[in-house]
Amino acid sequence: MKHPVDVHVGKRIRHRRWMIGMTQQQLAEQVGIKFQQIQKYETGMNRVSASRLWDISYALSVPISFFFEGLDGGAERDAGQALPDDILADKEALELVRSYYAIPENQRRRLFELARVLSDVA
């Protein structure tokens, strides 16, 4: 049975890899393992060891704490429920974020202000 924390860490690996446009094969090569193992980590089928998570965090250019962001320390564990989906679970939202950061900074700021105004109106 998959542990909710392993599933969460796997999702965070997949989302970060996707955000920077890296394939499973590329990540696997950087970490020194087979891409099938990356697949197993990303689905939560296999637990990621501390040393492997260290290597993955380096390859994905994030701190190790990134993989645990969004975990609620007690509620899921105590209730035995699945972790709630976060915004990164939505492929459209990920595509939007990726596109947003591709926009030049001055235009990005104006777009951000527009989005803020529109959300206040809604």
N, C-alpha and C. Protein backbone atom coordinates (compact mmCIF):
# COMPACT_ATOMS: atom_id res chain seq x y z
N MET A 1 0.84 -1.19 0.00
CA MET A 1 0.00 0.00 0.00
C MET A 1 0.88 1.24 0.00
N LYS A 2 0.49 2.23 -0.79
CA LYS A 2 1.26 3.47 -0.90
C LYS A 2 1.05 4.32 0.35
N HIS A 3 2.13 4.89 0.84
CA HIS A 3 2.04 5.81 1.96
C HIS A 3 1.75 7.21 1.41
N PRO A 4 0.83 7.97 2.01
CA PRO A 4 0.48 9.30 1.49
C PRO A 4 1.68 10.24 1.34
N VAL A 5 2.66 10.13 2.22
CA VAL A 5 3.84 11.00 2.11
C VAL A 5 4.66 10.63 0.88
N ASP A 6 4.80 9.34 0.59
CA ASP A 6 5.53 8.91 -0.59
C ASP A 6 4.83 9.39 -1.87
N VAL A 7 3.51 9.34 -1.87
CA VAL A 7 2.73 9.82 -3.02
C VAL A 7 2.94 11.32 -3.19
N HIS A 8 2.90 12.06 -2.08
CA HIS A 8 3.08 13.51 -2.13
C HIS A 8 4.47 13.87 -2.66
N VAL A 9 5.50 13.24 -2.13
CA VAL A 9 6.87 13.50 -2.58
C VAL A 9 7.00 13.17 -4.07
N GLY A 10 6.42 12.07 -4.49
CA GLY A 10 6.47 11.69 -5.90
C GLY A 10 5.79 12.72 -6.79
N LYS A 11 4.65 13.23 -6.35
CA LYS A 11 3.95 14.26 -7.12
C LYS A 11 4.80 15.51 -7.23
N ARG A 12 5.46 15.87 -6.14
CA ARG A 12 6.30 17.07 -6.16
C ARG A 12 7.50 16.88 -7.09
N ILE A 13 8.05 15.67 -7.13
CA ILE A 13 9.14 15.39 -8.08
C ILE A 13 8.63 15.57 -9.50
N ARG A 14 7.50 14.95 -9.81
CA ARG A 14 6.94 15.01 -11.15
C ARG A 14 6.62 16.45 -11.55
N HIS A 15 6.00 17.21 -10.65
CA HIS A 15 5.61 18.58 -10.98
C HIS A 15 6.84 19.47 -11.23
N ARG A 16 7.84 19.33 -10.39
CA ARG A 16 9.05 20.14 -10.58
C ARG A 16 9.76 19.76 -11.88
N ARG A 17 9.86 18.47 -12.14
CA ARG A 17 10.48 18.00 -13.36
C ARG A 17 9.75 18.55 -14.57
N TRP A 18 8.43 18.50 -14.52
CA TRP A 18 7.61 18.99 -15.62
C TRP A 18 7.76 20.50 -15.77
N MET A 19 7.81 21.23 -14.66
CA MET A 19 7.91 22.69 -14.70
C MET A 19 9.21 23.15 -15.38
N ILE A 20 10.28 22.42 -15.19
CA ILE A 20 11.54 22.84 -15.80
C ILE A 20 11.78 22.16 -17.15
N GLY A 21 10.79 21.39 -17.61
CA GLY A 21 10.87 20.79 -18.93
C GLY A 21 11.85 19.63 -19.02
N MET A 22 12.01 18.90 -17.94
CA MET A 22 12.94 17.77 -17.91
C MET A 22 12.16 16.46 -18.07
N THR A 23 12.70 15.54 -18.83
CA THR A 23 12.06 14.23 -19.00
C THR A 23 12.47 13.30 -17.85
N GLN A 24 11.75 12.22 -17.70
CA GLN A 24 12.12 11.21 -16.71
C GLN A 24 13.50 10.65 -17.04
N GLN A 25 13.78 10.46 -18.31
CA GLN A 25 15.06 9.93 -18.73
C GLN A 25 16.20 10.88 -18.34
N GLN A 26 16.01 12.16 -18.57
CA GLN A 26 17.04 13.15 -18.23
C GLN A 26 17.30 13.18 -16.74
N LEU A 27 16.23 13.15 -15.94
CA LEU A 27 16.40 13.15 -14.49
C LEU A 27 17.11 11.88 -14.05
N ALA A 28 16.70 10.76 -14.59
CA ALA A 28 17.31 9.49 -14.24
C ALA A 28 18.81 9.50 -14.54
N GLU A 29 19.18 10.03 -15.69
CA GLU A 29 20.59 10.09 -16.05
C GLU A 29 21.38 10.96 -15.09
N GLN A 30 20.80 12.09 -14.69
CA GLN A 30 21.50 12.98 -13.76
C GLN A 30 21.68 12.35 -12.38
N VAL A 31 20.70 11.53 -12.00
CA VAL A 31 20.73 10.90 -10.68
C VAL A 31 21.49 9.57 -10.71
N GLY A 32 21.64 9.00 -11.90
CA GLY A 32 22.36 7.74 -12.03
C GLY A 32 21.52 6.50 -11.83
N ILE A 33 20.26 6.56 -12.25
CA ILE A 33 19.35 5.42 -12.13
C ILE A 33 18.58 5.26 -13.44
N LYS A 34 17.74 4.24 -13.54
CA LYS A 34 16.91 4.00 -14.71
C LYS A 34 15.65 4.86 -14.64
N PHE A 35 15.11 5.25 -15.80
CA PHE A 35 13.92 6.09 -15.80
C PHE A 35 12.72 5.39 -15.18
N GLN A 36 12.70 4.04 -15.23
CA GLN A 36 11.59 3.30 -14.62
C GLN A 36 11.53 3.56 -13.12
N GLN A 37 12.70 3.76 -12.52
CA GLN A 37 12.73 4.04 -11.08
C GLN A 37 12.13 5.42 -10.81
N ILE A 38 12.39 6.37 -11.69
CA ILE A 38 11.78 7.70 -11.55
C ILE A 38 10.26 7.56 -11.62
N GLN A 39 9.78 6.74 -12.55
CA GLN A 39 8.33 6.50 -12.66
C GLN A 39 7.77 5.97 -11.35
N LYS A 40 8.47 5.03 -10.75
CA LYS A 40 8.01 4.44 -9.49
C LYS A 40 8.02 5.46 -8.36
N TYR A 41 9.03 6.33 -8.33
CA TYR A 41 9.06 7.39 -7.32
C TYR A 41 7.88 8.34 -7.52
N GLU A 42 7.65 8.73 -8.77
CA GLU A 42 6.62 9.72 -9.05
C GLU A 42 5.21 9.23 -8.76
N THR A 43 4.99 7.94 -8.81
CA THR A 43 3.67 7.39 -8.50
C THR A 43 3.54 7.01 -7.03
N GLY A 44 4.64 7.06 -6.30
CA GLY A 44 4.61 6.67 -4.89
C GLY A 44 4.73 5.17 -4.69
N MET A 45 4.95 4.43 -5.75
CA MET A 45 5.09 2.97 -5.63
C MET A 45 6.35 2.61 -4.86
N ASN A 46 7.43 3.37 -5.09
CA ASN A 46 8.68 3.17 -4.36
C ASN A 46 8.97 4.40 -3.53
N ARG A 47 9.46 4.15 -2.33
CA ARG A 47 9.85 5.23 -1.43
C ARG A 47 11.23 5.74 -1.84
N VAL A 48 11.40 7.07 -1.80
CA VAL A 48 12.67 7.69 -2.16
C VAL A 48 13.54 7.76 -0.90
N SER A 49 14.74 7.21 -0.98
CA SER A 49 15.65 7.27 0.17
C SER A 49 16.15 8.69 0.35
N ALA A 50 16.69 8.98 1.51
CA ALA A 50 17.20 10.33 1.81
C ALA A 50 18.32 10.72 0.85
N SER A 51 19.25 9.80 0.60
CA SER A 51 20.36 10.13 -0.29
C SER A 51 19.89 10.33 -1.73
N ARG A 52 18.91 9.55 -2.16
CA ARG A 52 18.38 9.71 -3.51
C ARG A 52 17.61 11.02 -3.63
N LEU A 53 16.85 11.38 -2.58
CA LEU A 53 16.12 12.63 -2.59
C LEU A 53 17.09 13.81 -2.64
N TRP A 54 18.23 13.67 -1.98
CA TRP A 54 19.28 14.68 -2.03
C TRP A 54 19.75 14.87 -3.48
N ASP A 55 20.01 13.76 -4.17
CA ASP A 55 20.46 13.82 -5.56
C ASP A 55 19.38 14.43 -6.47
N ILE A 56 18.13 14.04 -6.25
CA ILE A 56 17.02 14.55 -7.06
C ILE A 56 16.85 16.05 -6.83
N SER A 57 16.96 16.48 -5.58
CA SER A 57 16.80 17.90 -5.29
C SER A 57 17.89 18.72 -5.99
N TYR A 58 19.10 18.18 -6.05
CA TYR A 58 20.19 18.87 -6.75
C TYR A 58 19.90 18.93 -8.25
N ALA A 59 19.47 17.81 -8.82
CA ALA A 59 19.18 17.75 -10.25
C ALA A 59 18.03 18.67 -10.65
N LEU A 60 17.07 18.84 -9.74
CA LEU A 60 15.90 19.69 -10.03
C LEU A 60 16.07 21.12 -9.52
N SER A 61 17.21 21.40 -8.90
CA SER A 61 17.54 22.75 -8.40
C SER A 61 16.53 23.28 -7.38
N VAL A 62 16.17 22.44 -6.43
CA VAL A 62 15.28 22.86 -5.36
C VAL A 62 15.83 22.32 -4.03
N PRO A 63 15.48 22.97 -2.91
CA PRO A 63 15.88 22.42 -1.61
C PRO A 63 15.05 21.17 -1.31
N ILE A 64 15.56 20.32 -0.48
CA ILE A 64 14.83 19.09 -0.13
C ILE A 64 13.46 19.41 0.46
N SER A 65 13.37 20.50 1.19
CA SER A 65 12.09 20.88 1.80
C SER A 65 10.99 21.08 0.77
N PHE A 66 11.36 21.38 -0.48
CA PHE A 66 10.38 21.57 -1.55
C PHE A 66 9.46 20.36 -1.67
N PHE A 67 10.00 19.17 -1.51
CA PHE A 67 9.23 17.95 -1.72
C PHE A 67 8.19 17.70 -0.62
N PHE A 68 8.33 18.40 0.50
CA PHE A 68 7.42 18.21 1.62
C PHE A 68 6.45 19.37 1.79
N GLU A 69 6.60 20.41 0.97
CA GLU A 69 5.69 21.55 1.06
C GLU A 69 4.27 21.09 0.77
N GLY A 70 3.34 21.61 1.54
CA GLY A 70 1.94 21.27 1.35
C GLY A 70 1.46 20.09 2.15
N LEU A 71 2.36 19.44 2.87
CA LEU A 71 1.96 18.32 3.72
C LEU A 71 1.38 18.87 5.02
N ASP A 72 0.28 18.33 5.42
CA ASP A 72 -0.29 18.66 6.73
C ASP A 72 0.13 17.54 7.66
N GLY A 73 1.00 17.86 8.61
CA GLY A 73 1.62 16.85 9.45
C GLY A 73 0.70 15.91 10.19
N GLY A 74 -0.50 16.31 10.54
CA GLY A 74 -1.29 15.43 11.37
C GLY A 74 -2.59 14.96 10.77
N ALA A 75 -3.31 15.82 10.09
CA ALA A 75 -4.68 15.50 9.69
C ALA A 75 -4.75 14.25 8.81
N GLU A 76 -3.93 14.17 7.77
CA GLU A 76 -4.01 13.03 6.87
C GLU A 76 -3.57 11.75 7.57
N ARG A 77 -2.51 11.87 8.36
CA ARG A 77 -1.99 10.69 9.04
C ARG A 77 -3.00 10.17 10.05
N ASP A 78 -3.58 11.08 10.82
CA ASP A 78 -4.53 10.68 11.85
C ASP A 78 -5.83 10.16 11.25
N ALA A 79 -6.30 10.80 10.20
CA ALA A 79 -7.57 10.41 9.61
C ALA A 79 -7.42 9.27 8.60
N GLY A 80 -6.18 9.00 8.19
CA GLY A 80 -5.95 7.95 7.21
C GLY A 80 -6.48 8.32 5.84
N GLN A 81 -6.63 9.61 5.57
CA GLN A 81 -7.17 10.07 4.30
C GLN A 81 -6.04 10.38 3.34
N ALA A 82 -6.39 10.40 2.05
CA ALA A 82 -5.42 10.80 1.04
C ALA A 82 -5.12 12.29 1.20
N LEU A 83 -3.94 12.69 0.78
CA LEU A 83 -3.56 14.09 0.85
C LEU A 83 -4.42 14.88 -0.12
N PRO A 84 -4.79 16.12 0.24
CA PRO A 84 -5.58 16.93 -0.70
C PRO A 84 -4.75 17.31 -1.91
N ASP A 85 -5.40 17.39 -3.06
CA ASP A 85 -4.70 17.82 -4.27
C ASP A 85 -4.37 19.30 -4.14
N ASP A 86 -3.23 19.68 -4.67
CA ASP A 86 -2.87 21.08 -4.67
C ASP A 86 -3.00 21.62 -6.08
N ILE A 87 -2.73 22.87 -6.23
CA ILE A 87 -2.88 23.52 -7.53
C ILE A 87 -1.97 22.88 -8.56
N LEU A 88 -0.84 22.34 -8.14
CA LEU A 88 0.09 21.74 -9.09
C LEU A 88 -0.41 20.42 -9.66
N ALA A 89 -1.52 19.91 -9.14
CA ALA A 89 -2.08 18.67 -9.67
C ALA A 89 -2.83 18.93 -10.98
N ASP A 90 -3.12 20.18 -11.27
CA ASP A 90 -3.86 20.56 -12.47
C ASP A 90 -2.88 20.89 -13.59
N LYS A 91 -2.89 20.12 -14.66
CA LYS A 91 -1.94 20.32 -15.76
C LYS A 91 -2.13 21.70 -16.40
N GLU A 92 -3.36 22.17 -16.48
CA GLU A 92 -3.62 23.49 -17.06
C GLU A 92 -2.99 24.59 -16.20
N ALA A 93 -3.08 24.44 -14.88
CA ALA A 93 -2.47 25.42 -13.98
C ALA A 93 -0.96 25.41 -14.13
N LEU A 94 -0.37 24.25 -14.27
CA LEU A 94 1.07 24.16 -14.47
C LEU A 94 1.49 24.82 -15.77
N GLU A 95 0.71 24.60 -16.81
CA GLU A 95 1.00 25.23 -18.10
C GLU A 95 0.90 26.75 -18.00
N LEU A 96 -0.09 27.22 -17.24
CA LEU A 96 -0.26 28.66 -17.04
C LEU A 96 0.93 29.26 -16.31
N VAL A 97 1.40 28.59 -15.27
CA VAL A 97 2.55 29.08 -14.52
C VAL A 97 3.79 29.08 -15.39
N ARG A 98 3.97 28.04 -16.14
CA ARG A 98 5.13 27.94 -17.03
C ARG A 98 5.11 29.07 -18.06
N SER A 99 3.95 29.33 -18.64
CA SER A 99 3.80 30.40 -19.63
C SER A 99 4.02 31.77 -18.98
N TYR A 100 3.50 31.93 -17.78
CA TYR A 100 3.65 33.19 -17.05
C TYR A 100 5.12 33.55 -16.87
N TYR A 101 5.93 32.61 -16.47
CA TYR A 101 7.34 32.89 -16.24
C TYR A 101 8.14 33.03 -17.54
N ALA A 102 7.55 32.68 -18.66
CA ALA A 102 8.20 32.89 -19.95
C ALA A 102 8.02 34.32 -20.46
N ILE A 103 7.11 35.07 -19.84
CA ILE A 103 6.83 36.45 -20.23
C ILE A 103 7.91 37.36 -19.63
N PRO A 104 8.36 38.37 -20.37
CA PRO A 104 9.34 39.31 -19.80
C PRO A 104 8.81 39.95 -18.52
N GLU A 105 9.71 40.24 -17.59
CA GLU A 105 9.32 40.65 -16.24
C GLU A 105 8.40 41.87 -16.21
N ASN A 106 8.68 42.91 -16.99
CA ASN A 106 7.83 44.10 -16.93
C ASN A 106 6.40 43.79 -17.40
N GLN A 107 6.26 42.97 -18.42
CA GLN A 107 4.94 42.56 -18.89
C GLN A 107 4.28 41.62 -17.89
N ARG A 108 5.09 40.78 -17.26
CA ARG A 108 4.56 39.85 -16.27
C ARG A 108 3.94 40.60 -15.10
N ARG A 109 4.59 41.67 -14.65
CA ARG A 109 4.04 42.47 -13.54
C ARG A 109 2.70 43.08 -13.92
N ARG A 110 2.60 43.57 -15.16
CA ARG A 110 1.33 44.16 -15.61
C ARG A 110 0.24 43.10 -15.70
N LEU A 111 0.60 41.92 -16.18
CA LEU A 111 -0.36 40.82 -16.25
C LEU A 111 -0.82 40.42 -14.85
N PHE A 112 0.12 40.37 -13.92
CA PHE A 112 -0.22 40.03 -12.54
C PHE A 112 -1.22 41.04 -11.96
N GLU A 113 -0.97 42.33 -12.17
CA GLU A 113 -1.88 43.36 -11.67
C GLU A 113 -3.26 43.23 -12.31
N LEU A 114 -3.30 42.94 -13.60
CA LEU A 114 -4.58 42.73 -14.29
C LEU A 114 -5.33 41.56 -13.68
N ALA A 115 -4.63 40.46 -13.46
CA ALA A 115 -5.27 39.27 -12.87
C ALA A 115 -5.79 39.59 -11.48
N ARG A 116 -5.05 40.37 -10.70
CA ARG A 116 -5.48 40.73 -9.35
C ARG A 116 -6.75 41.58 -9.41
N VAL A 117 -6.81 42.54 -10.32
CA VAL A 117 -7.99 43.36 -10.46
C VAL A 117 -9.19 42.52 -10.88
N LEU A 118 -8.98 41.63 -11.85
CA LEU A 118 -10.07 40.78 -12.32
C LEU A 118 -10.57 39.84 -11.22
N SER A 119 -9.68 39.34 -10.40
CA SER A 119 -10.12 38.43 -9.34
C SER A 119 -10.87 39.18 -8.25
N ASP A 120 -10.57 40.45 -8.04
CA ASP A 120 -11.31 41.26 -7.05
C ASP A 120 -12.72 41.56 -7.52
N VAL A 121 -12.91 41.66 -8.84
CA VAL A 121 -14.21 41.96 -9.41
C VAL A 121 -15.12 40.74 -9.34
N ALA A 122 -14.55 39.57 -9.54
CA ALA A 122 -15.33 38.32 -9.60
C ALA A 122 -16.00 37.98 -8.31
